[in-house]
Amino acid sequence: MAKKTHNEKLNNSGDLPKVELISPDNKMAKRFGHGYMLVAAPKEYDEIMKQVPEGYVITINEIRAYLAEKHNADFTCQLTAGIFTNLVAKASEEREILGSKDITPYWRTLKSGGELNPKYPGGIEHQKGLMELEGHEIINRGKRFFVKDFQKHLWQPQQ
């Protein structure tokens, strides 16, 4: 069987989104917290990331908060959020390579604290270059890179 493309994975949500109750005595509660946890569909991340205008940024935390509110959950699974934002980036790159104009500006989605994501296509250097083209200053802290004053350029999705 042929390996699925990133776009096939992006568009195959299976049973997602789903909201699960994580009780305080559940072993996951230590890591994620307890209450109603959303596991959003990958396409939901793509829909939000597509909307971020040039010159603006969003963090995975803002996306997670938006999706949790949208689905009446207490929080969103942080593990799948990271996996799915990376999937969105790889699917967008895949479409771009095929000549599609349907590109998701994934480079505008940052990790918490305004950090660049080394797992995006092309790594830090590629994301850094795209961010600088849009007028952002990138600063280095040890081995990590951040958008300077990212809060001033933070975009918020609307319900």
N, C-alpha and C. Protein backbone atom coordinates (compact mmCIF):
# COMPACT_ATOMS: atom_id res chain seq x y z
N MET A 1 0.85 -1.18 0.00
CA MET A 1 0.00 0.00 0.00
C MET A 1 0.89 1.24 0.00
N ALA A 2 0.54 2.21 -0.84
CA ALA A 2 1.32 3.44 -0.95
C ALA A 2 1.18 4.29 0.31
N LYS A 3 2.26 4.94 0.64
CA LYS A 3 2.27 5.83 1.80
C LYS A 3 1.38 7.03 1.50
N LYS A 4 0.57 7.44 2.49
CA LYS A 4 -0.31 8.59 2.31
C LYS A 4 0.50 9.88 2.21
N THR A 5 0.02 10.79 1.38
CA THR A 5 0.66 12.10 1.29
C THR A 5 0.26 12.92 2.51
N HIS A 6 0.97 14.01 2.73
CA HIS A 6 0.62 14.89 3.85
C HIS A 6 -0.78 15.47 3.64
N ASN A 7 -1.14 15.77 2.39
CA ASN A 7 -2.47 16.31 2.13
C ASN A 7 -3.57 15.28 2.36
N GLU A 8 -3.30 14.02 2.05
CA GLU A 8 -4.28 12.97 2.35
C GLU A 8 -4.47 12.86 3.86
N LYS A 9 -3.39 12.93 4.60
CA LYS A 9 -3.48 12.89 6.07
C LYS A 9 -4.24 14.11 6.60
N LEU A 10 -3.95 15.28 6.03
CA LEU A 10 -4.61 16.51 6.47
C LEU A 10 -6.12 16.44 6.27
N ASN A 11 -6.53 15.87 5.16
CA ASN A 11 -7.95 15.84 4.81
C ASN A 11 -8.69 14.62 5.31
N ASN A 12 -8.02 13.73 6.03
CA ASN A 12 -8.67 12.55 6.59
C ASN A 12 -8.74 12.71 8.10
N SER A 13 -9.87 13.17 8.57
CA SER A 13 -10.01 13.47 10.00
C SER A 13 -10.44 12.28 10.83
N GLY A 14 -10.81 11.18 10.20
CA GLY A 14 -11.25 10.02 10.97
C GLY A 14 -12.41 10.40 11.88
N ASP A 15 -12.29 10.16 13.17
CA ASP A 15 -13.36 10.47 14.12
C ASP A 15 -13.16 11.82 14.81
N LEU A 16 -12.29 12.66 14.25
CA LEU A 16 -12.01 13.97 14.84
C LEU A 16 -12.87 15.05 14.21
N PRO A 17 -13.22 16.07 14.93
CA PRO A 17 -12.82 16.38 16.30
C PRO A 17 -13.60 15.55 17.32
N LYS A 18 -12.98 15.39 18.47
CA LYS A 18 -13.68 14.73 19.57
C LYS A 18 -13.26 15.37 20.89
N VAL A 19 -14.20 15.37 21.82
CA VAL A 19 -13.97 15.91 23.15
C VAL A 19 -14.09 14.75 24.13
N GLU A 20 -13.06 14.60 24.94
CA GLU A 20 -13.03 13.50 25.90
C GLU A 20 -12.87 14.06 27.31
N LEU A 21 -13.55 13.42 28.23
CA LEU A 21 -13.41 13.81 29.64
C LEU A 21 -12.17 13.13 30.21
N ILE A 22 -11.27 13.94 30.74
CA ILE A 22 -10.07 13.45 31.41
C ILE A 22 -10.29 13.67 32.90
N SER A 23 -10.50 12.57 33.63
CA SER A 23 -10.76 12.68 35.06
C SER A 23 -9.46 12.94 35.81
N PRO A 24 -9.55 13.53 37.00
CA PRO A 24 -8.34 13.84 37.78
C PRO A 24 -7.47 12.62 38.08
N ASP A 25 -8.08 11.43 38.16
CA ASP A 25 -7.31 10.22 38.46
C ASP A 25 -6.78 9.52 37.20
N ASN A 26 -7.09 10.06 36.04
CA ASN A 26 -6.59 9.51 34.79
C ASN A 26 -5.09 9.81 34.68
N LYS A 27 -4.31 8.84 34.20
CA LYS A 27 -2.86 9.04 34.12
C LYS A 27 -2.50 10.20 33.17
N MET A 28 -3.37 10.53 32.22
CA MET A 28 -3.12 11.66 31.31
C MET A 28 -3.27 13.00 32.01
N ALA A 29 -4.02 13.03 33.11
CA ALA A 29 -4.31 14.28 33.81
C ALA A 29 -3.04 14.97 34.30
N LYS A 30 -2.05 14.19 34.70
CA LYS A 30 -0.79 14.77 35.16
C LYS A 30 -0.12 15.59 34.05
N ARG A 31 -0.16 15.05 32.85
CA ARG A 31 0.53 15.69 31.72
C ARG A 31 -0.30 16.80 31.08
N PHE A 32 -1.59 16.53 30.89
CA PHE A 32 -2.42 17.46 30.14
C PHE A 32 -3.38 18.28 30.99
N GLY A 33 -3.68 17.83 32.18
CA GLY A 33 -4.70 18.46 33.02
C GLY A 33 -5.96 17.62 32.96
N HIS A 34 -6.95 18.02 33.74
CA HIS A 34 -8.20 17.26 33.71
C HIS A 34 -9.34 18.18 33.33
N GLY A 35 -10.41 17.57 32.88
CA GLY A 35 -11.56 18.30 32.34
C GLY A 35 -11.84 17.79 30.94
N TYR A 36 -12.56 18.59 30.17
CA TYR A 36 -12.90 18.18 28.80
C TYR A 36 -11.79 18.61 27.85
N MET A 37 -11.16 17.60 27.23
CA MET A 37 -10.04 17.84 26.32
C MET A 37 -10.49 17.61 24.88
N LEU A 38 -10.20 18.59 24.05
CA LEU A 38 -10.48 18.49 22.62
C LEU A 38 -9.28 17.92 21.89
N VAL A 39 -9.55 16.98 21.01
CA VAL A 39 -8.58 16.57 19.99
C VAL A 39 -9.21 17.05 18.69
N ALA A 40 -8.70 18.18 18.20
CA ALA A 40 -9.27 18.81 17.01
C ALA A 40 -8.81 18.07 15.76
N ALA A 41 -9.53 18.28 14.68
CA ALA A 41 -9.15 17.69 13.39
C ALA A 41 -8.00 18.51 12.79
N PRO A 42 -7.09 17.86 12.06
CA PRO A 42 -5.99 18.59 11.43
C PRO A 42 -6.46 19.74 10.54
N LYS A 43 -7.56 19.53 9.85
CA LYS A 43 -8.08 20.55 8.93
C LYS A 43 -8.47 21.83 9.68
N GLU A 44 -8.88 21.69 10.95
CA GLU A 44 -9.24 22.88 11.73
C GLU A 44 -8.02 23.77 11.97
N TYR A 45 -6.87 23.16 12.17
CA TYR A 45 -5.63 23.95 12.32
C TYR A 45 -5.32 24.67 11.01
N ASP A 46 -5.48 23.94 9.90
CA ASP A 46 -5.21 24.53 8.59
C ASP A 46 -6.13 25.73 8.33
N GLU A 47 -7.40 25.60 8.66
CA GLU A 47 -8.36 26.68 8.42
C GLU A 47 -7.97 27.96 9.16
N ILE A 48 -7.50 27.82 10.38
CA ILE A 48 -7.09 28.99 11.16
C ILE A 48 -5.77 29.54 10.62
N MET A 49 -4.81 28.66 10.39
CA MET A 49 -3.48 29.10 9.93
C MET A 49 -3.56 29.81 8.58
N LYS A 50 -4.51 29.42 7.74
CA LYS A 50 -4.69 30.07 6.42
C LYS A 50 -5.13 31.53 6.56
N GLN A 51 -5.80 31.86 7.66
CA GLN A 51 -6.37 33.20 7.84
C GLN A 51 -5.39 34.25 8.35
N VAL A 52 -4.25 33.84 8.87
CA VAL A 52 -3.33 34.80 9.48
C VAL A 52 -2.75 35.70 8.39
N PRO A 53 -3.04 37.02 8.47
CA PRO A 53 -2.59 37.93 7.41
C PRO A 53 -1.09 38.19 7.44
N GLU A 54 -0.57 38.60 6.31
CA GLU A 54 0.84 38.95 6.21
C GLU A 54 1.17 40.03 7.23
N GLY A 55 2.32 39.88 7.88
CA GLY A 55 2.75 40.85 8.89
C GLY A 55 2.28 40.49 10.29
N TYR A 56 1.42 39.48 10.40
CA TYR A 56 0.90 39.05 11.70
C TYR A 56 1.39 37.64 12.01
N VAL A 57 1.26 37.26 13.26
CA VAL A 57 1.62 35.92 13.70
C VAL A 57 0.54 35.41 14.64
N ILE A 58 0.58 34.12 14.86
CA ILE A 58 -0.29 33.48 15.85
C ILE A 58 0.57 32.40 16.51
N THR A 59 0.26 32.07 17.74
CA THR A 59 0.98 30.96 18.37
C THR A 59 0.05 29.75 18.44
N ILE A 60 0.66 28.61 18.60
CA ILE A 60 -0.13 27.39 18.75
C ILE A 60 -1.08 27.52 19.94
N ASN A 61 -0.65 28.22 20.99
CA ASN A 61 -1.51 28.40 22.16
C ASN A 61 -2.79 29.16 21.83
N GLU A 62 -2.70 30.19 20.99
CA GLU A 62 -3.91 30.93 20.59
C GLU A 62 -4.84 30.04 19.78
N ILE A 63 -4.27 29.23 18.91
CA ILE A 63 -5.10 28.31 18.11
C ILE A 63 -5.79 27.31 19.02
N ARG A 64 -5.03 26.75 19.95
CA ARG A 64 -5.60 25.77 20.88
C ARG A 64 -6.74 26.38 21.71
N ALA A 65 -6.54 27.59 22.21
CA ALA A 65 -7.57 28.25 23.02
C ALA A 65 -8.83 28.50 22.19
N TYR A 66 -8.64 28.97 20.96
CA TYR A 66 -9.77 29.22 20.06
C TYR A 66 -10.55 27.93 19.81
N LEU A 67 -9.85 26.86 19.48
CA LEU A 67 -10.53 25.59 19.18
C LEU A 67 -11.22 25.01 20.40
N ALA A 68 -10.61 25.13 21.57
CA ALA A 68 -11.25 24.64 22.80
C ALA A 68 -12.57 25.38 23.03
N GLU A 69 -12.53 26.70 22.87
CA GLU A 69 -13.76 27.49 23.05
C GLU A 69 -14.81 27.11 22.01
N LYS A 70 -14.40 26.96 20.78
CA LYS A 70 -15.31 26.60 19.68
C LYS A 70 -16.04 25.29 19.97
N HIS A 71 -15.34 24.33 20.58
CA HIS A 71 -15.91 23.01 20.84
C HIS A 71 -16.36 22.82 22.29
N ASN A 72 -16.45 23.92 23.05
CA ASN A 72 -16.89 23.87 24.45
C ASN A 72 -16.06 22.89 25.28
N ALA A 73 -14.76 22.91 25.07
CA ALA A 73 -13.84 22.07 25.83
C ALA A 73 -13.04 22.95 26.78
N ASP A 74 -12.46 22.35 27.80
CA ASP A 74 -11.64 23.09 28.75
C ASP A 74 -10.25 23.39 28.19
N PHE A 75 -9.74 22.49 27.37
CA PHE A 75 -8.42 22.67 26.78
C PHE A 75 -8.30 21.77 25.55
N THR A 76 -7.25 21.98 24.81
CA THR A 76 -6.98 21.21 23.60
C THR A 76 -5.70 20.41 23.80
N CYS A 77 -5.67 19.22 23.29
CA CYS A 77 -4.50 18.35 23.41
C CYS A 77 -3.29 19.03 22.80
N GLN A 78 -2.27 19.28 23.62
CA GLN A 78 -1.08 19.97 23.13
C GLN A 78 -0.22 19.08 22.24
N LEU A 79 -0.25 17.80 22.47
CA LEU A 79 0.54 16.87 21.67
C LEU A 79 0.04 16.84 20.21
N THR A 80 -1.27 16.63 20.04
CA THR A 80 -1.81 16.59 18.68
C THR A 80 -1.75 17.97 18.02
N ALA A 81 -1.83 19.04 18.81
CA ALA A 81 -1.71 20.39 18.24
C ALA A 81 -0.37 20.56 17.54
N GLY A 82 0.70 20.12 18.18
CA GLY A 82 2.03 20.21 17.58
C GLY A 82 2.16 19.33 16.34
N ILE A 83 1.63 18.13 16.43
CA ILE A 83 1.67 17.20 15.29
C ILE A 83 0.89 17.78 14.11
N PHE A 84 -0.30 18.30 14.39
CA PHE A 84 -1.16 18.77 13.30
C PHE A 84 -0.68 20.08 12.68
N THR A 85 -0.08 20.98 13.46
CA THR A 85 0.45 22.20 12.84
C THR A 85 1.63 21.86 11.93
N ASN A 86 2.43 20.87 12.32
CA ASN A 86 3.52 20.42 11.45
C ASN A 86 2.97 19.74 10.20
N LEU A 87 1.89 18.98 10.34
CA LEU A 87 1.25 18.35 9.19
C LEU A 87 0.74 19.41 8.22
N VAL A 88 0.13 20.47 8.75
CA VAL A 88 -0.36 21.58 7.91
C VAL A 88 0.80 22.17 7.11
N ALA A 89 1.93 22.39 7.78
CA ALA A 89 3.10 22.97 7.11
C ALA A 89 3.60 22.06 5.99
N LYS A 90 3.71 20.79 6.27
CA LYS A 90 4.21 19.84 5.26
C LYS A 90 3.23 19.67 4.11
N ALA A 91 1.93 19.70 4.40
CA ALA A 91 0.92 19.60 3.34
C ALA A 91 0.96 20.84 2.45
N SER A 92 1.16 22.00 3.05
CA SER A 92 1.25 23.24 2.28
C SER A 92 2.47 23.20 1.36
N GLU A 93 3.59 22.76 1.90
CA GLU A 93 4.81 22.65 1.09
C GLU A 93 4.60 21.66 -0.06
N GLU A 94 3.92 20.58 0.23
CA GLU A 94 3.62 19.56 -0.79
C GLU A 94 2.81 20.17 -1.94
N ARG A 95 1.78 20.96 -1.59
CA ARG A 95 0.96 21.62 -2.62
C ARG A 95 1.78 22.62 -3.42
N GLU A 96 2.65 23.37 -2.71
CA GLU A 96 3.49 24.36 -3.39
C GLU A 96 4.41 23.69 -4.41
N ILE A 97 5.00 22.58 -4.03
CA ILE A 97 5.89 21.83 -4.94
C ILE A 97 5.14 21.37 -6.18
N LEU A 98 3.85 21.04 -6.00
CA LEU A 98 3.03 20.60 -7.13
C LEU A 98 2.49 21.77 -7.96
N GLY A 99 2.86 23.00 -7.58
CA GLY A 99 2.47 24.18 -8.34
C GLY A 99 1.15 24.81 -7.92
N SER A 100 0.58 24.36 -6.83
CA SER A 100 -0.68 24.92 -6.34
C SER A 100 -0.46 26.31 -5.75
N LYS A 101 -1.47 27.15 -5.88
CA LYS A 101 -1.45 28.48 -5.26
C LYS A 101 -2.15 28.44 -3.90
N ASP A 102 -2.69 27.28 -3.52
CA ASP A 102 -3.39 27.10 -2.24
C ASP A 102 -2.35 26.83 -1.15
N ILE A 103 -1.69 27.89 -0.72
CA ILE A 103 -0.62 27.78 0.26
C ILE A 103 -1.10 28.29 1.62
N THR A 104 -0.80 27.52 2.64
CA THR A 104 -1.08 27.95 4.01
C THR A 104 0.18 28.62 4.54
N PRO A 105 0.09 29.88 4.99
CA PRO A 105 1.29 30.57 5.50
C PRO A 105 1.67 30.06 6.90
N TYR A 106 2.08 28.81 6.93
CA TYR A 106 2.39 28.11 8.19
C TYR A 106 3.49 28.81 8.98
N TRP A 107 4.40 29.50 8.29
CA TRP A 107 5.54 30.15 8.96
C TRP A 107 5.08 31.23 9.93
N ARG A 108 3.83 31.70 9.79
CA ARG A 108 3.28 32.72 10.70
C ARG A 108 2.78 32.11 12.00
N THR A 109 2.74 30.79 12.10
CA THR A 109 2.31 30.10 13.32
C THR A 109 3.56 29.74 14.11
N LEU A 110 3.64 30.31 15.30
CA LEU A 110 4.81 30.16 16.16
C LEU A 110 4.52 29.23 17.33
N LYS A 111 5.58 28.73 17.91
CA LYS A 111 5.44 28.00 19.15
C LYS A 111 5.17 29.01 20.27
N SER A 112 4.92 28.52 21.47
CA SER A 112 4.64 29.45 22.57
C SER A 112 5.83 30.39 22.78
N GLY A 113 5.53 31.57 23.23
CA GLY A 113 6.57 32.57 23.48
C GLY A 113 7.14 33.20 22.23
N GLY A 114 6.53 32.93 21.07
CA GLY A 114 7.00 33.53 19.82
C GLY A 114 8.16 32.80 19.18
N GLU A 115 8.37 31.54 19.57
CA GLU A 115 9.52 30.77 19.07
C GLU A 115 9.25 30.21 17.67
N LEU A 116 10.29 30.25 16.83
CA LEU A 116 10.21 29.63 15.52
C LEU A 116 10.19 28.12 15.68
N ASN A 117 9.62 27.43 14.69
CA ASN A 117 9.46 25.98 14.77
C ASN A 117 10.48 25.26 13.89
N PRO A 118 11.46 24.59 14.48
CA PRO A 118 12.49 23.92 13.69
C PRO A 118 11.98 22.73 12.89
N LYS A 119 10.76 22.26 13.18
CA LYS A 119 10.20 21.11 12.47
C LYS A 119 9.49 21.49 11.18
N TYR A 120 9.30 22.77 10.95
CA TYR A 120 8.65 23.20 9.70
C TYR A 120 9.57 22.92 8.51
N PRO A 121 8.98 22.78 7.31
CA PRO A 121 9.81 22.55 6.12
C PRO A 121 10.91 23.60 5.98
N GLY A 122 12.11 23.15 5.72
CA GLY A 122 13.24 24.07 5.58
C GLY A 122 13.87 24.48 6.89
N GLY A 123 13.28 24.06 8.00
CA GLY A 123 13.83 24.35 9.31
C GLY A 123 13.79 25.83 9.68
N ILE A 124 14.57 26.17 10.68
CA ILE A 124 14.62 27.54 11.22
C ILE A 124 15.00 28.55 10.15
N GLU A 125 16.00 28.25 9.35
CA GLU A 125 16.48 29.23 8.36
C GLU A 125 15.39 29.63 7.38
N HIS A 126 14.60 28.65 6.95
CA HIS A 126 13.52 28.96 6.00
C HIS A 126 12.45 29.83 6.66
N GLN A 127 12.01 29.43 7.85
CA GLN A 127 10.98 30.21 8.55
C GLN A 127 11.51 31.60 8.88
N LYS A 128 12.75 31.68 9.31
CA LYS A 128 13.38 32.97 9.64
C LYS A 128 13.36 33.89 8.41
N GLY A 129 13.75 33.35 7.26
CA GLY A 129 13.76 34.15 6.03
C GLY A 129 12.39 34.66 5.66
N LEU A 130 11.38 33.79 5.76
CA LEU A 130 10.01 34.20 5.42
C LEU A 130 9.49 35.26 6.40
N MET A 131 9.81 35.09 7.67
CA MET A 131 9.36 36.07 8.67
C MET A 131 10.03 37.42 8.45
N GLU A 132 11.32 37.41 8.13
CA GLU A 132 12.04 38.66 7.87
C GLU A 132 11.51 39.36 6.63
N LEU A 133 11.10 38.58 5.61
CA LEU A 133 10.50 39.17 4.41
C LEU A 133 9.21 39.92 4.74
N GLU A 134 8.53 39.48 5.79
CA GLU A 134 7.28 40.12 6.20
C GLU A 134 7.52 41.21 7.25
N GLY A 135 8.78 41.54 7.51
CA GLY A 135 9.10 42.67 8.37
C GLY A 135 9.37 42.35 9.82
N HIS A 136 9.43 41.08 10.18
CA HIS A 136 9.67 40.70 11.57
C HIS A 136 11.17 40.60 11.83
N GLU A 137 11.55 40.97 13.04
CA GLU A 137 12.95 40.81 13.46
C GLU A 137 13.05 39.52 14.26
N ILE A 138 14.04 38.72 13.93
CA ILE A 138 14.25 37.44 14.60
C ILE A 138 15.44 37.57 15.53
N ILE A 139 15.24 37.13 16.77
CA ILE A 139 16.33 37.19 17.74
C ILE A 139 16.70 35.77 18.17
N ASN A 140 17.96 35.61 18.52
CA ASN A 140 18.50 34.33 18.91
C ASN A 140 18.72 34.30 20.41
N ARG A 141 18.25 33.23 21.04
CA ARG A 141 18.49 33.00 22.47
C ARG A 141 19.03 31.58 22.61
N GLY A 142 20.34 31.48 22.70
CA GLY A 142 20.96 30.15 22.74
C GLY A 142 20.78 29.46 21.41
N LYS A 143 20.17 28.28 21.43
CA LYS A 143 19.93 27.53 20.20
C LYS A 143 18.54 27.78 19.63
N ARG A 144 17.78 28.67 20.24
CA ARG A 144 16.40 28.91 19.83
C ARG A 144 16.25 30.30 19.22
N PHE A 145 15.25 30.44 18.36
CA PHE A 145 15.00 31.70 17.66
C PHE A 145 13.56 32.14 17.91
N PHE A 146 13.38 33.47 18.07
CA PHE A 146 12.09 34.04 18.43
C PHE A 146 11.80 35.27 17.57
N VAL A 147 10.51 35.55 17.37
CA VAL A 147 10.11 36.80 16.73
C VAL A 147 10.12 37.87 17.81
N LYS A 148 10.92 38.89 17.60
CA LYS A 148 11.01 39.99 18.57
C LYS A 148 9.66 40.69 18.67
N ASP A 149 9.23 40.94 19.90
CA ASP A 149 7.97 41.64 20.17
C ASP A 149 6.80 41.03 19.41
N PHE A 150 6.75 39.70 19.36
CA PHE A 150 5.70 39.02 18.59
C PHE A 150 4.29 39.40 19.05
N GLN A 151 4.16 39.75 20.35
CA GLN A 151 2.84 40.10 20.89
C GLN A 151 2.22 41.31 20.17
N LYS A 152 3.08 42.21 19.69
CA LYS A 152 2.59 43.40 18.98
C LYS A 152 1.98 43.05 17.62
N HIS A 153 2.26 41.85 17.13
CA HIS A 153 1.80 41.42 15.81
C HIS A 153 0.89 40.20 15.90
N LEU A 154 0.38 39.96 17.10
CA LEU A 154 -0.42 38.77 17.35
C LEU A 154 -1.81 38.91 16.73
N TRP A 155 -2.20 37.93 15.96
CA TRP A 155 -3.52 37.89 15.32
C TRP A 155 -4.40 36.93 16.09
N GLN A 156 -5.64 37.30 16.32
CA GLN A 156 -6.58 36.47 17.06
C GLN A 156 -7.72 36.01 16.14
N PRO A 157 -7.97 34.71 16.05
CA PRO A 157 -9.12 34.24 15.27
C PRO A 157 -10.42 34.67 15.95
N GLN A 158 -11.45 34.86 15.17
CA GLN A 158 -12.74 35.29 15.70
C GLN A 158 -13.74 34.12 15.62
N GLN A 159 -14.53 33.98 16.70
CA GLN A 159 -15.57 32.93 16.72
C GLN A 159 -16.66 33.22 15.73
